[in-house]
C-alpha atoms as a PDB file:
ATOM      1  CA  MET A   1      -0.030  -0.049   0.058  1.00  0.00           C
ATOM      2  CA  LEU A   2       1.436   3.368  -1.056  1.00  0.00           C
ATOM      3  CA  PHE A   3      -0.539   6.614  -0.748  1.00  0.00           C
ATOM      4  CA  HIS A   4       0.121  10.067  -2.003  1.00  0.00           C
ATOM      5  CA  ARG A   5      -1.961  13.040  -2.805  1.00  0.00           C
ATOM      6  CA  GLN A   6      -1.262  16.350  -4.263  1.00  0.00           C
ATOM      7  CA  SER A   7      -2.459  18.366  -1.107  1.00  0.00           C
ATOM      8  CA  PRO A   8      -0.420  20.301   1.351  1.00  0.00           C
ATOM      9  CA  ARG A   9      -0.011  17.297   3.599  1.00  0.00           C
ATOM     10  CA  PHE A  10       1.830  15.402   0.994  1.00  0.00           C
ATOM     11  CA  CYS A  11       3.039  17.941  -1.462  1.00  0.00           C
ATOM     12  CA  GLN A  12       4.406  21.278  -0.480  1.00  0.00           C
ATOM     13  CA  PRO A  13       6.393  23.751  -2.682  1.00  0.00           C
ATOM     14  CA  LEU A  14       9.147  25.389  -0.506  1.00  0.00           C
ATOM     15  CA  ALA A  15      10.623  27.677  -3.153  1.00  0.00           C
ATOM     16  CA  ALA A  16      10.468  28.215  -6.940  1.00  0.00           C
ATOM     17  CA  ASN A  17      12.716  25.223  -7.461  1.00  0.00           C
ATOM     18  CA  GLU A  18      12.222  23.227  -4.303  1.00  0.00           C
ATOM     19  CA  LEU A  19       9.366  20.742  -3.615  1.00  0.00           C
ATOM     20  CA  LEU A  20       8.699  18.678  -0.478  1.00  0.00           C
ATOM     21  CA  LEU A  21       6.980  15.245  -1.200  1.00  0.00           C
ATOM     22  CA  ARG A  22       5.564  12.768   1.217  1.00  0.00           C
ATOM     23  CA  LEU A  23       4.433   9.204   0.967  1.00  0.00           C
ATOM     24  CA  LYS A  24       2.361   7.005   3.229  1.00  0.00           C
ATOM     25  CA  THR A  25       3.053   3.227   3.369  1.00  0.00           C
ATOM     26  CA  ARG A  26       2.315   0.166   5.412  1.00  0.00           C
ATOM     27  CA  ARG A  27       4.823  -0.347   8.168  1.00  0.00           C
ATOM     28  CA  LEU A  28       7.397  -2.512   6.649  1.00  0.00           C
ATOM     29  CA  GLU A  29      10.802  -1.688   8.193  1.00  0.00           C
ATOM     30  CA  SER A  30      12.880  -3.446   5.406  1.00  0.00           C
ATOM     31  CA  GLN A  31      11.523  -1.261   2.682  1.00  0.00           C
ATOM     32  CA  ARG A  32      13.283   1.592   0.876  1.00  0.00           C
ATOM     33  CA  CYS A  33      11.400   4.360  -0.814  1.00  0.00           C
ATOM     34  CA  LEU A  34      12.531   6.699  -3.625  1.00  0.00           C
ATOM     35  CA  VAL A  35      11.166   9.592  -5.616  1.00  0.00           C
ATOM     36  CA  VAL A  36      11.812   9.364  -9.253  1.00  0.00           C
ATOM     37  CA  PHE A  37      11.586  12.760 -10.987  1.00  0.00           C
ATOM     38  CA  GLU A  38      12.259  14.516 -14.165  1.00  0.00           C
ATOM     39  CA  ASP A  39      14.979  17.170 -14.128  1.00  0.00           C
ATOM     40  CA  GLN A  40      16.992  17.212 -17.239  1.00  0.00           C
ATOM     41  CA  GLY A  41      16.447  13.544 -17.432  1.00  0.00           C
ATOM     42  CA  LEU A  42      15.279  11.120 -14.814  1.00  0.00           C
ATOM     43  CA  LYS A  43      16.698  11.524 -11.295  1.00  0.00           C
ATOM     44  CA  THR A  44      16.107   9.763  -7.901  1.00  0.00           C
ATOM     45  CA  ALA A  45      15.966  11.111  -4.411  1.00  0.00           C
ATOM     46  CA  PRO A  46      15.967   8.913  -1.323  1.00  0.00           C
ATOM     47  CA  MET A  47      12.937   9.224   1.048  1.00  0.00           C
ATOM     48  CA  TYR A  48      13.393   9.333   4.817  1.00  0.00           C
ATOM     49  CA  VAL A  49      10.959   8.335   7.559  1.00  0.00           C
ATOM     50  CA  TYR A  50       9.632  11.375   9.354  1.00  0.00           C
ATOM     51  CA  ALA A  51       6.743   9.871  11.207  1.00  0.00           C
ATOM     52  CA  ARG A  52       5.516   6.447  12.395  1.00  0.00           C
ATOM     53  CA  THR A  53       2.270   4.878  13.680  1.00  0.00           C
ATOM     54  CA  PRO A  54       1.704   1.304  14.789  1.00  0.00           C
ATOM     55  CA  ARG A  55       0.595   0.594  11.183  1.00  0.00           C
ATOM     56  CA  TYR A  56       2.097   3.088   8.892  1.00  0.00           C
ATOM     57  CA  LEU A  57       5.319   4.818   7.914  1.00  0.00           C
ATOM     58  CA  TYR A  58       5.450   8.408   6.455  1.00  0.00           C
ATOM     59  CA  TYR A  59       8.406   9.210   4.163  1.00  0.00           C
ATOM     60  CA  GLN A  60       9.476  12.548   2.873  1.00  0.00           C
ATOM     61  CA  ALA A  61      12.113  13.971   0.451  1.00  0.00           C
ATOM     62  CA  GLU A  62      12.940  17.495  -0.580  1.00  0.00           C
ATOM     63  CA  LEU A  63      13.638  17.836  -4.279  1.00  0.00           C
ATOM     64  CA  ARG A  64      15.835  20.675  -5.682  1.00  0.00           C
ATOM     65  CA  LEU A  65      15.140  21.241  -9.347  1.00  0.00           C
ATOM     66  CA  SER A  66      16.923  23.056 -12.155  1.00  0.00           C
ATOM     67  CA  ARG A  67      13.512  23.954 -13.747  1.00  0.00           C
ATOM     68  CA  PRO A  68      11.283  26.042 -11.461  1.00  0.00           C
ATOM     69  CA  TRP A  69       7.515  25.930 -10.906  1.00  0.00           C
ATOM     70  CA  GLN A  70       6.875  22.373 -12.249  1.00  0.00           C
ATOM     71  CA  CYS A  71       7.774  18.702 -11.363  1.00  0.00           C
ATOM     72  CA  ARG A  72       6.824  15.373 -12.810  1.00  0.00           C
ATOM     73  CA  TYR A  73       7.472  12.525 -10.377  1.00  0.00           C
ATOM     74  CA  PHE A  74       6.492   9.056  -9.253  1.00  0.00           C
ATOM     75  CA  PHE A  75       7.379   6.713  -6.446  1.00  0.00           C
ATOM     76  CA  ARG A  76       9.329   3.499  -6.165  1.00  0.00           C
ATOM     77  CA  ARG A  77       9.378   1.061  -3.132  1.00  0.00           C
ATOM     78  CA  GLN A  78      11.841  -1.682  -2.859  1.00  0.00           C
ATOM     79  CA  LEU A  79      11.657  -4.647  -0.582  1.00  0.00           C
ATOM     80  CA  ASP A  80      14.521  -7.126  -0.069  1.00  0.00           C
ATOM     81  CA  ASN A  81      14.524  -9.774  -2.686  1.00  0.00           C
ATOM     82  CA  GLN A  82      11.319  -8.588  -4.363  1.00  0.00           C
ATOM     83  CA  GLU A  83      10.445  -6.818  -7.534  1.00  0.00           C
ATOM     84  CA  PRO A  84      10.097  -2.938  -7.077  1.00  0.00           C
ATOM     85  CA  PHE A  85       6.544  -1.510  -6.606  1.00  0.00           C
ATOM     86  CA  TYR A  86       5.639   1.856  -8.289  1.00  0.00           C
ATOM     87  CA  LEU A  87       3.072   4.484  -7.542  1.00  0.00           C
ATOM     88  CA  PHE A  88       1.805   6.688 -10.372  1.00  0.00           C
ATOM     89  CA  THR A  89      -1.070   9.043 -10.587  1.00  0.00           C
ATOM     90  CA  GLY A  90      -4.196   6.775 -10.276  1.00  0.00           C
ATOM     91  CA  SER A  91      -2.300   3.522 -10.833  1.00  0.00           C
ATOM     92  CA  SER A  92       0.554   1.307  -9.821  1.00  0.00           C
ATOM     93  CA  GLY A  93       2.976  -0.520 -12.057  1.00  0.00           C
ATOM     94  CA  PRO A  94       5.912   0.629 -14.349  1.00  0.00           C
ATOM     95  CA  GLY A  95       3.623   1.831 -17.123  1.00  0.00           C
ATOM     96  CA  GLY A  96       1.697   4.689 -15.395  1.00  0.00           C
ATOM     97  CA  SER A  97       1.498   8.341 -15.818  1.00  0.00           C
ATOM     98  CA  PRO A  98       3.791  10.335 -13.469  1.00  0.00           C
ATOM     99  CA  PHE A  99       2.324  12.864 -11.022  1.00  0.00           C
ATOM    100  CA  ASN A 100       2.552  16.450 -12.581  1.00  0.00           C
ATOM    101  CA  PHE A 101       2.689  19.211  -9.989  1.00  0.00           C
ATOM    102  CA  ARG A 102       2.642  22.978 -10.932  1.00  0.00           C
ATOM    103  CA  TRP A 103       2.886  25.860  -8.470  1.00  0.00           C
ATOM    104  CA  THR A 104       3.297  29.643  -8.307  1.00  0.00           C
ATOM    105  CA  GLU A 105       4.839  32.048  -6.034  1.00  0.00           C
ATOM    106  CA  ALA A 106       1.447  32.434  -4.155  1.00  0.00           C
ATOM    107  CA  ASP A 107       1.572  28.687  -3.170  1.00  0.00           C
ATOM    108  CA  ILE A 108       4.762  29.137  -1.272  1.00  0.00           C
ATOM    109  CA  TYR A 109       4.102  29.793   2.421  1.00  0.00           C
ATOM    110  CA  THR A 110       6.358  32.128   4.257  1.00  0.00           C
ATOM    111  CA  ALA A 111       5.893  32.511   8.065  1.00  0.00           C
ATOM    112  CA  PRO A 112       5.614  36.142   9.092  1.00  0.00           C
ATOM    113  CA  ASP A 113       8.461  37.598  11.207  1.00  0.00           C
ATOM    114  CA  TRP A 114       6.341  37.952  14.276  1.00  0.00           C
ATOM    115  CA  VAL A 115       5.755  34.127  14.563  1.00  0.00           C
ATOM    116  CA  LYS A 116       9.447  33.655  15.567  1.00  0.00           C
ATOM    117  CA  ASP A 117       8.915  35.543  18.907  1.00  0.00           C
ATOM    118  CA  ALA A 118       5.226  34.364  19.426  1.00  0.00           C
ATOM    119  CA  ILE A 119       4.122  32.892  22.671  1.00  0.00           C
ATOM    120  CA  PRO A 120       0.808  31.239  21.632  1.00  0.00           C
ATOM    121  CA  TYR A 121      -2.127  30.116  23.741  1.00  0.00           C
ATOM    122  CA  GLN A 122      -4.798  27.912  22.264  1.00  0.00           C
ATOM    123  CA  ILE A 123      -8.413  28.358  23.394  1.00  0.00           C
ATOM    124  CA  PHE A 124     -11.325  26.109  22.787  1.00  0.00           C
ATOM    125  CA  PRO A 125     -13.969  28.934  23.030  1.00  0.00           C
ATOM    126  CA  ASP A 126     -16.813  27.018  24.522  1.00  0.00           C
ATOM    127  CA  ARG A 127     -14.611  25.835  27.454  1.00  0.00           C
ATOM    128  CA  PHE A 128     -12.695  28.835  28.303  1.00  0.00           C
ATOM    129  CA  TYR A 129     -14.901  31.537  29.962  1.00  0.00           C
ATOM    130  CA  ASN A 130     -18.586  32.440  29.872  1.00  0.00           C
ATOM    131  CA  GLY A 131     -18.734  36.247  29.425  1.00  0.00           C
ATOM    132  CA  ASN A 132     -22.370  36.629  28.147  1.00  0.00           C
ATOM    133  CA  PRO A 133     -24.856  33.988  29.483  1.00  0.00           C
ATOM    134  CA  ALA A 134     -27.459  35.608  27.273  1.00  0.00           C
ATOM    135  CA  ASN A 135     -26.107  33.861  24.267  1.00  0.00           C
ATOM    136  CA  ASP A 136     -25.763  30.385  25.647  1.00  0.00           C
ATOM    137  CA  PRO A 137     -27.064  27.607  23.496  1.00  0.00           C
ATOM    138  CA  PRO A 138     -30.072  25.596  24.605  1.00  0.00           C
ATOM    139  CA  GLY A 139     -28.985  22.815  27.118  1.00  0.00           C
ATOM    140  CA  THR A 140     -25.808  24.657  28.324  1.00  0.00           C
ATOM    141  CA  ARG A 141     -24.525  22.930  31.256  1.00  0.00           C
ATOM    142  CA  PRO A 142     -23.303  24.355  34.653  1.00  0.00           C
ATOM    143  CA  TRP A 143     -19.540  25.301  34.413  1.00  0.00           C
ATOM    144  CA  GLU A 144     -18.478  22.837  37.117  1.00  0.00           C
ATOM    145  CA  GLU A 145     -20.120  19.856  35.471  1.00  0.00           C
ATOM    146  CA  ALA A 146     -17.845  17.237  33.763  1.00  0.00           C
ATOM    147  CA  PRO A 147     -17.513  17.831  30.109  1.00  0.00           C
ATOM    148  CA  THR A 148     -18.545  15.233  27.430  1.00  0.00           C
ATOM    149  CA  ARG A 149     -18.227  14.921  23.730  1.00  0.00           C
ATOM    150  CA  ASP A 150     -21.381  16.925  23.002  1.00  0.00           C
ATOM    151  CA  ASN A 151     -22.305  19.267  25.756  1.00  0.00           C
ATOM    152  CA  PHE A 152     -21.956  22.945  25.841  1.00  0.00           C
ATOM    153  CA  PHE A 153     -20.725  25.275  28.589  1.00  0.00           C
ATOM    154  CA  GLY A 154     -21.329  28.628  27.198  1.00  0.00           C
ATOM    155  CA  GLY A 155     -17.710  29.981  26.723  1.00  0.00           C
ATOM    156  CA  ASP A 156     -17.616  32.831  24.193  1.00  0.00           C
ATOM    157  CA  LEU A 157     -15.757  35.598  22.564  1.00  0.00           C
ATOM    158  CA  GLU A 158     -16.837  38.113  25.264  1.00  0.00           C
ATOM    159  CA  GLY A 159     -15.354  35.684  27.857  1.00  0.00           C
ATOM    160  CA  ILE A 160     -12.022  35.777  26.061  1.00  0.00           C
ATOM    161  CA  GLN A 161     -12.064  39.485  26.024  1.00  0.00           C
ATOM    162  CA  LEU A 162     -12.671  39.704  29.683  1.00  0.00           C
ATOM    163  CA  LYS A 163      -9.696  37.540  30.350  1.00  0.00           C
ATOM    164  CA  ILE A 164      -7.244  39.498  28.280  1.00  0.00           C
ATOM    165  CA  PRO A 165      -5.504  40.868  31.514  1.00  0.00           C
ATOM    166  CA  TYR A 166      -5.135  37.155  32.733  1.00  0.00           C
ATOM    167  CA  LEU A 167      -3.580  36.149  29.284  1.00  0.00           C
ATOM    168  CA  ASN A 168      -1.171  39.213  29.325  1.00  0.00           C
ATOM    169  CA  PHE A 169      -0.170  38.089  32.977  1.00  0.00           C
ATOM    170  CA  LEU A 170       0.764  34.632  31.517  1.00  0.00           C
ATOM    171  CA  GLY A 171       3.019  36.422  29.011  1.00  0.00           C
ATOM    172  CA  VAL A 172       0.812  35.329  26.024  1.00  0.00           C
ATOM    173  CA  ASN A 173       1.196  37.451  22.815  1.00  0.00           C
ATOM    174  CA  ALA A 174      -0.835  35.421  20.341  1.00  0.00           C
ATOM    175  CA  LEU A 175      -4.173  33.651  20.762  1.00  0.00           C
ATOM    176  CA  TRP A 176      -5.168  30.669  18.524  1.00  0.00           C
ATOM    177  CA  LEU A 177      -8.912  30.085  18.620  1.00  0.00           C
ATOM    178  CA  ASN A 178     -10.464  26.851  17.755  1.00  0.00           C
ATOM    179  CA  PRO A 179     -13.029  27.441  14.987  1.00  0.00           C
ATOM    180  CA  ILE A 180     -15.593  30.213  15.689  1.00  0.00           C
ATOM    181  CA  PHE A 181     -17.682  29.921  12.400  1.00  0.00           C
ATOM    182  CA  SER A 182     -21.229  28.852  12.612  1.00  0.00           C
ATOM    183  CA  SER A 183     -21.642  25.165  13.458  1.00  0.00           C
ATOM    184  CA  PRO A 184     -23.978  22.859  15.437  1.00  0.00           C
ATOM    185  CA  SER A 185     -21.323  21.413  17.599  1.00  0.00           C
ATOM    186  CA  ASN A 186     -19.213  22.467  20.544  1.00  0.00           C
ATOM    187  CA  HIS A 187     -15.864  22.149  18.680  1.00  0.00           C
ATOM    188  CA  ARG A 188     -17.211  23.758  15.462  1.00  0.00           C
ATOM    189  CA  TYR A 189     -14.918  21.780  13.120  1.00  0.00           C
ATOM    190  CA  ASN A 190     -18.079  20.869  10.996  1.00  0.00           C
ATOM    191  CA  THR A 191     -18.790  24.430   9.700  1.00  0.00           C
ATOM    192  CA  SER A 192     -22.272  25.315   8.380  1.00  0.00           C
ATOM    193  CA  ASP A 193     -21.326  28.919   7.447  1.00  0.00           C
ATOM    194  CA  TYR A 194     -17.889  30.402   7.047  1.00  0.00           C
ATOM    195  CA  LEU A 195     -19.221  33.974   6.754  1.00  0.00           C
ATOM    196  CA  ALA A 196     -20.961  34.044  10.283  1.00  0.00           C
ATOM    197  CA  VAL A 197     -19.645  33.793  13.835  1.00  0.00           C
ATOM    198  CA  ASP A 198     -21.446  31.160  15.653  1.00  0.00           C
ATOM    199  CA  PRO A 199     -24.210  32.957  17.623  1.00  0.00           C
ATOM    200  CA  ALA A 200     -23.280  31.096  20.814  1.00  0.00           C
ATOM    201  CA  LEU A 201     -19.917  32.851  20.649  1.00  0.00           C
ATOM    202  CA  GLY A 202     -21.157  36.261  19.601  1.00  0.00           C
ATOM    203  CA  ASP A 203     -21.272  38.095  16.305  1.00  0.00           C
ATOM    204  CA  LYS A 204     -19.066  39.914  13.896  1.00  0.00           C
ATOM    205  CA  ALA A 205     -19.093  43.027  16.102  1.00  0.00           C
ATOM    206  CA  VAL A 206     -18.101  41.178  19.157  1.00  0.00           C
ATOM    207  CA  LEU A 207     -15.233  39.601  17.136  1.00  0.00           C
ATOM    208  CA  ARG A 208     -14.187  43.017  15.918  1.00  0.00           C
ATOM    209  CA  SER A 209     -14.230  44.349  19.562  1.00  0.00           C
ATOM    210  CA  LEU A 210     -12.146  41.349  20.638  1.00  0.00           C
ATOM    211  CA  ILE A 211      -9.484  41.934  17.902  1.00  0.00           C
ATOM    212  CA  GLU A 212      -9.252  45.570  18.745  1.00  0.00           C
ATOM    213  CA  SER A 213      -8.792  44.766  22.476  1.00  0.00           C
ATOM    214  CA  LEU A 214      -6.129  42.144  21.735  1.00  0.00           C
ATOM    215  CA  HIS A 215      -4.110  44.528  19.410  1.00  0.00           C
ATOM    216  CA  GLY A 216      -4.397  47.248  22.079  1.00  0.00           C
ATOM    217  CA  ALA A 217      -2.842  44.596  24.562  1.00  0.00           C
ATOM    218  CA  GLY A 218      -0.002  43.772  22.095  1.00  0.00           C
ATOM    219  CA  MET A 219      -1.583  40.407  21.232  1.00  0.00           C
ATOM    220  CA  ARG A 220      -2.429  38.785  17.871  1.00  0.00           C
ATOM    221  CA  LEU A 221      -5.236  36.605  16.946  1.00  0.00           C
ATOM    222  CA  ILE A 222      -5.036  33.386  14.928  1.00  0.00           C
ATOM    223  CA  LEU A 223      -8.266  31.822  13.733  1.00  0.00           C
ATOM    224  CA  ASP A 224      -8.581  28.071  13.031  1.00  0.00           C
ATOM    225  CA  GLY A 225      -9.732  28.018   9.387  1.00  0.00           C
ATOM    226  CA  VAL A 226     -11.224  24.640   8.490  1.00  0.00           C
ATOM    227  CA  PHE A 227     -11.568  24.498   4.785  1.00  0.00           C
ATOM    228  CA  ASN A 228     -10.711  21.046   3.810  1.00  0.00           C
ATOM    229  CA  HIS A 229     -14.060  19.733   5.015  1.00  0.00           C
ATOM    230  CA  THR A 230     -17.365  21.098   6.066  1.00  0.00           C
ATOM    231  CA  GLY A 231     -20.424  20.007   8.194  1.00  0.00           C
ATOM    232  CA  THR A 232     -23.532  18.417   6.688  1.00  0.00           C
ATOM    233  CA  ASP A 233     -25.368  21.733   7.163  1.00  0.00           C
ATOM    234  CA  PHE A 234     -23.067  23.419   4.601  1.00  0.00           C
ATOM    235  CA  PHE A 235     -25.026  24.743   1.693  1.00  0.00           C
ATOM    236  CA  ALA A 236     -22.869  22.863  -0.864  1.00  0.00           C
ATOM    237  CA  PHE A 237     -23.261  19.529   0.870  1.00  0.00           C
ATOM    238  CA  LYS A 238     -26.984  20.052   1.288  1.00  0.00           C
ATOM    239  CA  ASP A 239     -27.215  20.794  -2.384  1.00  0.00           C
ATOM    240  CA  ILE A 240     -25.492  17.446  -3.185  1.00  0.00           C
ATOM    241  CA  ALA A 241     -27.754  15.544  -0.912  1.00  0.00           C
ATOM    242  CA  VAL A 242     -30.680  16.853  -2.720  1.00  0.00           C
ATOM    243  CA  ARG A 243     -29.473  16.969  -6.344  1.00  0.00           C
ATOM    244  CA  GLY A 244     -26.959  14.090  -6.335  1.00  0.00           C
ATOM    245  CA  PRO A 245     -24.680  13.943  -9.324  1.00  0.00           C
ATOM    246  CA  HIS A 246     -26.380  16.891 -10.819  1.00  0.00           C
ATOM    247  CA  SER A 247     -25.261  19.240  -8.208  1.00  0.00           C
ATOM    248  CA  PRO A 248     -22.696  21.869  -9.320  1.00  0.00           C
ATOM    249  CA  TYR A 249     -20.881  21.190  -5.980  1.00  0.00           C
ATOM    250  CA  LYS A 250     -20.371  17.534  -6.513  1.00  0.00           C
ATOM    251  CA  ASP A 251     -16.591  17.904  -7.076  1.00  0.00           C
ATOM    252  CA  TRP A 252     -16.136  19.922  -3.933  1.00  0.00           C
ATOM    253  CA  TYR A 253     -16.266  16.545  -1.982  1.00  0.00           C
ATOM    254  CA  TYR A 254     -14.999  13.001  -2.294  1.00  0.00           C
ATOM    255  CA  VAL A 255     -18.370  11.279  -3.049  1.00  0.00           C
ATOM    256  CA  HIS A 256     -18.074   7.525  -3.338  1.00  0.00           C
ATOM    257  CA  ASN A 257     -21.760   6.807  -4.081  1.00  0.00           C
ATOM    258  CA  PHE A 258     -25.056   8.475  -4.762  1.00  0.00           C
ATOM    259  CA  PRO A 259     -27.364   9.027  -2.988  1.00  0.00           C
ATOM    260  CA  LEU A 260     -25.439  10.215  -0.009  1.00  0.00           C
ATOM    261  CA  LYS A 261     -25.740   7.993   3.110  1.00  0.00           C
END
């Protein structure tokens, strides 16, 4: 089993002529993995294990290319005393088509300078501090009660704003908030509307006030943007559920079968 996808987790441009590639395999310690790529002829680059789980190994390699902004490549795995195994786009075997990845300057992520001196603090908004009980969702539990997977405690953006002096006392200069977009869950990773602050946390005016207060205290705000999946209440997913393969949004998701189940 070899797995690779041209997504940021497995394929990251580092510069105009540098590309980071990753590969997921079953955990076979005796295997050796290579990237075969085109760069004034075919070249190979060894891949090194950068992460392990009980079942899988994750390999990576950094390619330096003479031709910028594009790379054609495929993968080769070698096990002792066995024929090599290849991974091409959509197929395996020596006769497949190479992956072809193109990128632009806009695809290269460069961390801002302030990150180097950041002291971040992550906040799960519902569980931090309840600054406005009036926006508590139905069924909000008493603060001292044990948390569960699904219950709400009423923490909100106003609660975070009230605690800025405490965060300053800790030496924090950057807040990272778990998702705050509209969502039916307490963790809000299943977004239903990216253009709205969840009413249980506040609204856009409250968010703006929080940002201004944080900046005034010398602190930055990082929002957890969850854009590689949505909740089932998101408009595009609901359209697919109704219109099936005729939905204009069917390619926004990996749909295995229609109708959706």
